Amino acid sequence: MNAIPNRQDLILKLEGIINNTISRCTIAEWAFNLVDDDTTYIEDTVVLDYLILLGALDLPSTDQDYLYTNDDLKEWINQLSKNQRNINLN
């Protein structure tokens, strides 16, 4: 059984990709395996949605290296950070 990540974990993974300390392929495989694991229940739907996106991080695009750019990843970090703050307020 895989450890279920939280929103902060996802932010750290995204920052690692942007900073070139972890590969897109590594994160895509990790995320895909979590989503594909029938024994893992991910209660936080925001985390699940972003894991699905992360599973596609290494997909190529016709007009750029990857389907999702670093600008996309930065936007995801912003959205996850906002969502994290909303949870902390409740």
N, C-alpha and C. Protein backbone atom coordinates (compact mmCIF):
# COMPACT_ATOMS: atom_id res chain seq x y z
N MET A 1 0.84 -1.19 0.00
CA MET A 1 0.00 0.00 0.00
C MET A 1 0.88 1.25 0.00
N ASN A 2 0.54 2.19 -0.81
CA ASN A 2 1.29 3.43 -0.93
C ASN A 2 0.81 4.46 0.08
N ALA A 3 1.76 5.29 0.55
CA ALA A 3 1.38 6.39 1.43
C ALA A 3 0.61 7.42 0.60
N ILE A 4 -0.49 7.89 1.15
CA ILE A 4 -1.31 8.86 0.43
C ILE A 4 -0.74 10.26 0.65
N PRO A 5 -0.42 10.96 -0.42
CA PRO A 5 0.15 12.30 -0.28
C PRO A 5 -0.92 13.32 0.09
N ASN A 6 -0.46 14.41 0.69
CA ASN A 6 -1.37 15.53 0.93
C ASN A 6 -1.01 16.65 -0.06
N ARG A 7 -1.69 17.75 0.05
CA ARG A 7 -1.48 18.85 -0.90
C ARG A 7 -0.06 19.41 -0.83
N GLN A 8 0.48 19.49 0.38
CA GLN A 8 1.86 19.99 0.53
C GLN A 8 2.85 19.04 -0.14
N ASP A 9 2.62 17.75 -0.04
CA ASP A 9 3.48 16.77 -0.73
C ASP A 9 3.48 17.02 -2.24
N LEU A 10 2.31 17.29 -2.79
CA LEU A 10 2.21 17.55 -4.23
C LEU A 10 2.95 18.82 -4.61
N ILE A 11 2.84 19.84 -3.77
CA ILE A 11 3.56 21.10 -4.02
C ILE A 11 5.06 20.84 -4.05
N LEU A 12 5.55 20.06 -3.10
CA LEU A 12 6.99 19.76 -3.05
C LEU A 12 7.44 18.99 -4.29
N LYS A 13 6.63 18.08 -4.76
CA LYS A 13 6.96 17.32 -5.98
C LYS A 13 7.02 18.28 -7.18
N LEU A 14 6.04 19.16 -7.29
CA LEU A 14 6.02 20.12 -8.40
C LEU A 14 7.23 21.05 -8.35
N GLU A 15 7.58 21.52 -7.16
CA GLU A 15 8.76 22.38 -7.01
C GLU A 15 10.02 21.64 -7.40
N GLY A 16 10.08 20.35 -7.07
CA GLY A 16 11.23 19.54 -7.46
C GLY A 16 11.39 19.44 -8.97
N ILE A 17 10.28 19.34 -9.66
CA ILE A 17 10.34 19.30 -11.13
C ILE A 17 10.82 20.64 -11.68
N ILE A 18 10.26 21.71 -11.18
CA ILE A 18 10.65 23.05 -11.64
C ILE A 18 12.13 23.31 -11.37
N ASN A 19 12.62 22.84 -10.21
CA ASN A 19 14.02 23.06 -9.83
C ASN A 19 14.96 22.00 -10.38
N ASN A 20 14.43 21.09 -11.19
CA ASN A 20 15.23 20.01 -11.80
C ASN A 20 15.91 19.10 -10.79
N THR A 21 15.26 18.88 -9.65
CA THR A 21 15.80 17.94 -8.67
C THR A 21 15.11 16.58 -8.74
N ILE A 22 14.04 16.50 -9.51
CA ILE A 22 13.34 15.24 -9.73
C ILE A 22 12.76 15.27 -11.15
N SER A 23 12.71 14.12 -11.77
CA SER A 23 12.28 14.10 -13.17
C SER A 23 10.76 14.02 -13.30
N ARG A 24 10.28 14.53 -14.40
CA ARG A 24 8.86 14.45 -14.72
C ARG A 24 8.42 12.98 -14.80
N CYS A 25 9.26 12.16 -15.40
CA CYS A 25 8.93 10.75 -15.56
C CYS A 25 8.76 10.07 -14.21
N THR A 26 9.63 10.36 -13.27
CA THR A 26 9.55 9.77 -11.93
C THR A 26 8.24 10.15 -11.25
N ILE A 27 7.88 11.42 -11.31
CA ILE A 27 6.64 11.89 -10.67
C ILE A 27 5.42 11.35 -11.40
N ALA A 28 5.47 11.32 -12.72
CA ALA A 28 4.33 10.80 -13.48
C ALA A 28 4.08 9.33 -13.12
N GLU A 29 5.14 8.55 -13.04
CA GLU A 29 5.00 7.14 -12.69
C GLU A 29 4.47 6.98 -11.27
N TRP A 30 5.00 7.76 -10.33
CA TRP A 30 4.55 7.72 -8.93
C TRP A 30 3.07 8.04 -8.84
N ALA A 31 2.66 9.13 -9.50
CA ALA A 31 1.25 9.55 -9.44
C ALA A 31 0.34 8.53 -10.11
N PHE A 32 0.75 8.03 -11.26
CA PHE A 32 -0.07 7.04 -11.97
C PHE A 32 -0.26 5.80 -11.11
N ASN A 33 0.81 5.34 -10.47
CA ASN A 33 0.71 4.15 -9.63
C ASN A 33 -0.24 4.36 -8.46
N LEU A 34 -0.24 5.54 -7.88
CA LEU A 34 -1.17 5.84 -6.79
C LEU A 34 -2.62 5.80 -7.26
N VAL A 35 -2.88 6.43 -8.39
CA VAL A 35 -4.25 6.48 -8.91
C VAL A 35 -4.70 5.09 -9.36
N ASP A 36 -3.79 4.32 -9.89
CA ASP A 36 -4.11 3.00 -10.43
C ASP A 36 -4.24 1.92 -9.36
N ASP A 37 -3.76 2.19 -8.15
CA ASP A 37 -3.76 1.21 -7.06
C ASP A 37 -5.17 1.07 -6.46
N ASP A 38 -5.78 -0.08 -6.68
CA ASP A 38 -7.14 -0.32 -6.19
C ASP A 38 -7.23 -0.39 -4.67
N THR A 39 -6.10 -0.58 -3.99
CA THR A 39 -6.13 -0.67 -2.53
C THR A 39 -5.98 0.69 -1.87
N THR A 40 -5.71 1.72 -2.66
CA THR A 40 -5.51 3.06 -2.12
C THR A 40 -6.77 3.89 -2.32
N TYR A 41 -7.27 4.44 -1.21
CA TYR A 41 -8.43 5.33 -1.28
C TYR A 41 -7.96 6.75 -0.98
N ILE A 42 -8.14 7.63 -1.93
CA ILE A 42 -7.73 9.02 -1.78
C ILE A 42 -8.97 9.85 -1.51
N GLU A 43 -9.13 10.23 -0.26
CA GLU A 43 -10.33 10.93 0.19
C GLU A 43 -10.40 12.37 -0.32
N ASP A 44 -9.26 13.04 -0.35
CA ASP A 44 -9.21 14.44 -0.77
C ASP A 44 -9.32 14.50 -2.30
N THR A 45 -10.44 14.98 -2.79
CA THR A 45 -10.67 15.00 -4.24
C THR A 45 -9.73 15.95 -4.96
N VAL A 46 -9.26 16.99 -4.28
CA VAL A 46 -8.29 17.90 -4.89
C VAL A 46 -6.98 17.15 -5.13
N VAL A 47 -6.54 16.40 -4.13
CA VAL A 47 -5.32 15.60 -4.28
C VAL A 47 -5.50 14.60 -5.42
N LEU A 48 -6.62 13.94 -5.46
CA LEU A 48 -6.88 12.97 -6.53
C LEU A 48 -6.84 13.64 -7.91
N ASP A 49 -7.48 14.78 -8.04
CA ASP A 49 -7.47 15.50 -9.32
C ASP A 49 -6.05 15.85 -9.76
N TYR A 50 -5.24 16.33 -8.82
CA TYR A 50 -3.87 16.70 -9.17
C TYR A 50 -3.00 15.47 -9.42
N LEU A 51 -3.25 14.38 -8.74
CA LEU A 51 -2.51 13.15 -9.03
C LEU A 51 -2.78 12.69 -10.47
N ILE A 52 -4.01 12.83 -10.91
CA ILE A 52 -4.35 12.48 -12.29
C ILE A 52 -3.56 13.37 -13.26
N LEU A 53 -3.50 14.66 -12.97
CA LEU A 53 -2.71 15.57 -13.81
C LEU A 53 -1.23 15.22 -13.76
N LEU A 54 -0.72 14.93 -12.56
CA LEU A 54 0.69 14.59 -12.42
C LEU A 54 1.04 13.32 -13.18
N GLY A 55 0.09 12.42 -13.29
CA GLY A 55 0.33 11.20 -14.04
C GLY A 55 0.58 11.45 -15.52
N ALA A 56 0.26 12.63 -15.98
CA ALA A 56 0.46 12.99 -17.39
C ALA A 56 1.61 13.99 -17.59
N LEU A 57 2.43 14.17 -16.57
CA LEU A 57 3.50 15.17 -16.65
C LEU A 57 4.53 14.91 -17.73
N ASP A 58 4.73 13.65 -18.06
CA ASP A 58 5.78 13.33 -19.03
C ASP A 58 5.25 13.16 -20.45
N LEU A 59 3.98 13.51 -20.67
CA LEU A 59 3.41 13.40 -22.02
C LEU A 59 4.00 14.48 -22.93
N PRO A 60 4.42 14.10 -24.12
CA PRO A 60 4.96 15.10 -25.05
C PRO A 60 3.84 15.90 -25.70
N SER A 61 4.23 17.01 -26.26
CA SER A 61 3.30 17.87 -27.00
C SER A 61 3.86 18.09 -28.40
N THR A 62 3.03 18.50 -29.31
CA THR A 62 3.50 18.72 -30.67
C THR A 62 4.27 20.03 -30.83
N ASP A 63 3.98 21.02 -29.99
CA ASP A 63 4.60 22.33 -30.15
C ASP A 63 5.57 22.71 -29.03
N GLN A 64 5.76 21.81 -28.06
CA GLN A 64 6.70 22.06 -26.96
C GLN A 64 7.15 20.71 -26.42
N ASP A 65 8.11 20.72 -25.52
CA ASP A 65 8.64 19.45 -25.01
C ASP A 65 7.58 18.60 -24.33
N TYR A 66 6.78 19.25 -23.48
CA TYR A 66 5.78 18.52 -22.70
C TYR A 66 4.41 19.18 -22.82
N LEU A 67 3.39 18.37 -22.61
CA LEU A 67 2.02 18.87 -22.65
C LEU A 67 1.83 19.98 -21.61
N TYR A 68 2.38 19.77 -20.41
CA TYR A 68 2.29 20.76 -19.33
C TYR A 68 3.64 21.42 -19.14
N THR A 69 3.67 22.75 -19.19
CA THR A 69 4.90 23.51 -19.05
C THR A 69 5.18 23.83 -17.58
N ASN A 70 6.35 24.37 -17.32
CA ASN A 70 6.66 24.81 -15.96
C ASN A 70 5.71 25.91 -15.50
N ASP A 71 5.23 26.73 -16.43
CA ASP A 71 4.24 27.75 -16.07
C ASP A 71 2.95 27.09 -15.57
N ASP A 72 2.55 25.99 -16.22
CA ASP A 72 1.39 25.23 -15.74
C ASP A 72 1.64 24.71 -14.33
N LEU A 73 2.84 24.18 -14.11
CA LEU A 73 3.16 23.63 -12.79
C LEU A 73 3.13 24.72 -11.72
N LYS A 74 3.63 25.89 -12.05
CA LYS A 74 3.59 27.01 -11.10
C LYS A 74 2.15 27.40 -10.77
N GLU A 75 1.28 27.37 -11.77
CA GLU A 75 -0.14 27.67 -11.53
C GLU A 75 -0.76 26.60 -10.64
N TRP A 76 -0.39 25.35 -10.84
CA TRP A 76 -0.90 24.27 -9.99
C TRP A 76 -0.45 24.48 -8.55
N ILE A 77 0.80 24.91 -8.38
CA ILE A 77 1.31 25.19 -7.02
C ILE A 77 0.48 26.30 -6.39
N ASN A 78 0.20 27.35 -7.14
CA ASN A 78 -0.63 28.45 -6.61
C ASN A 78 -2.00 27.95 -6.20
N GLN A 79 -2.62 27.14 -7.05
CA GLN A 79 -3.96 26.62 -6.74
C GLN A 79 -3.92 25.69 -5.53
N LEU A 80 -2.94 24.82 -5.47
CA LEU A 80 -2.82 23.92 -4.31
C LEU A 80 -2.57 24.71 -3.03
N SER A 81 -1.77 25.76 -3.12
CA SER A 81 -1.49 26.59 -1.95
C SER A 81 -2.76 27.28 -1.46
N LYS A 82 -3.56 27.79 -2.39
CA LYS A 82 -4.84 28.42 -2.01
C LYS A 82 -5.76 27.40 -1.36
N ASN A 83 -5.85 26.24 -1.96
CA ASN A 83 -6.69 25.18 -1.40
C ASN A 83 -6.21 24.75 -0.02
N GLN A 84 -4.90 24.71 0.17
CA GLN A 84 -4.32 24.34 1.46
C GLN A 84 -4.70 25.37 2.52
N ARG A 85 -4.63 26.65 2.17
CA ARG A 85 -5.00 27.71 3.12
C ARG A 85 -6.47 27.61 3.49
N ASN A 86 -7.32 27.29 2.52
CA ASN A 86 -8.75 27.15 2.80
C ASN A 86 -9.02 26.02 3.77
N ILE A 87 -8.29 24.94 3.66
CA ILE A 87 -8.46 23.82 4.60
C ILE A 87 -8.05 24.25 6.00
N ASN A 88 -6.93 24.98 6.09
CA ASN A 88 -6.43 25.40 7.40
C ASN A 88 -7.38 26.38 8.08
N LEU A 89 -8.16 27.12 7.31
CA LEU A 89 -9.10 28.08 7.89
C LEU A 89 -10.34 27.39 8.45
N ASN A 90 -10.67 26.23 7.93
CA ASN A 90 -11.89 25.52 8.37
C ASN A 90 -11.67 24.73 9.63
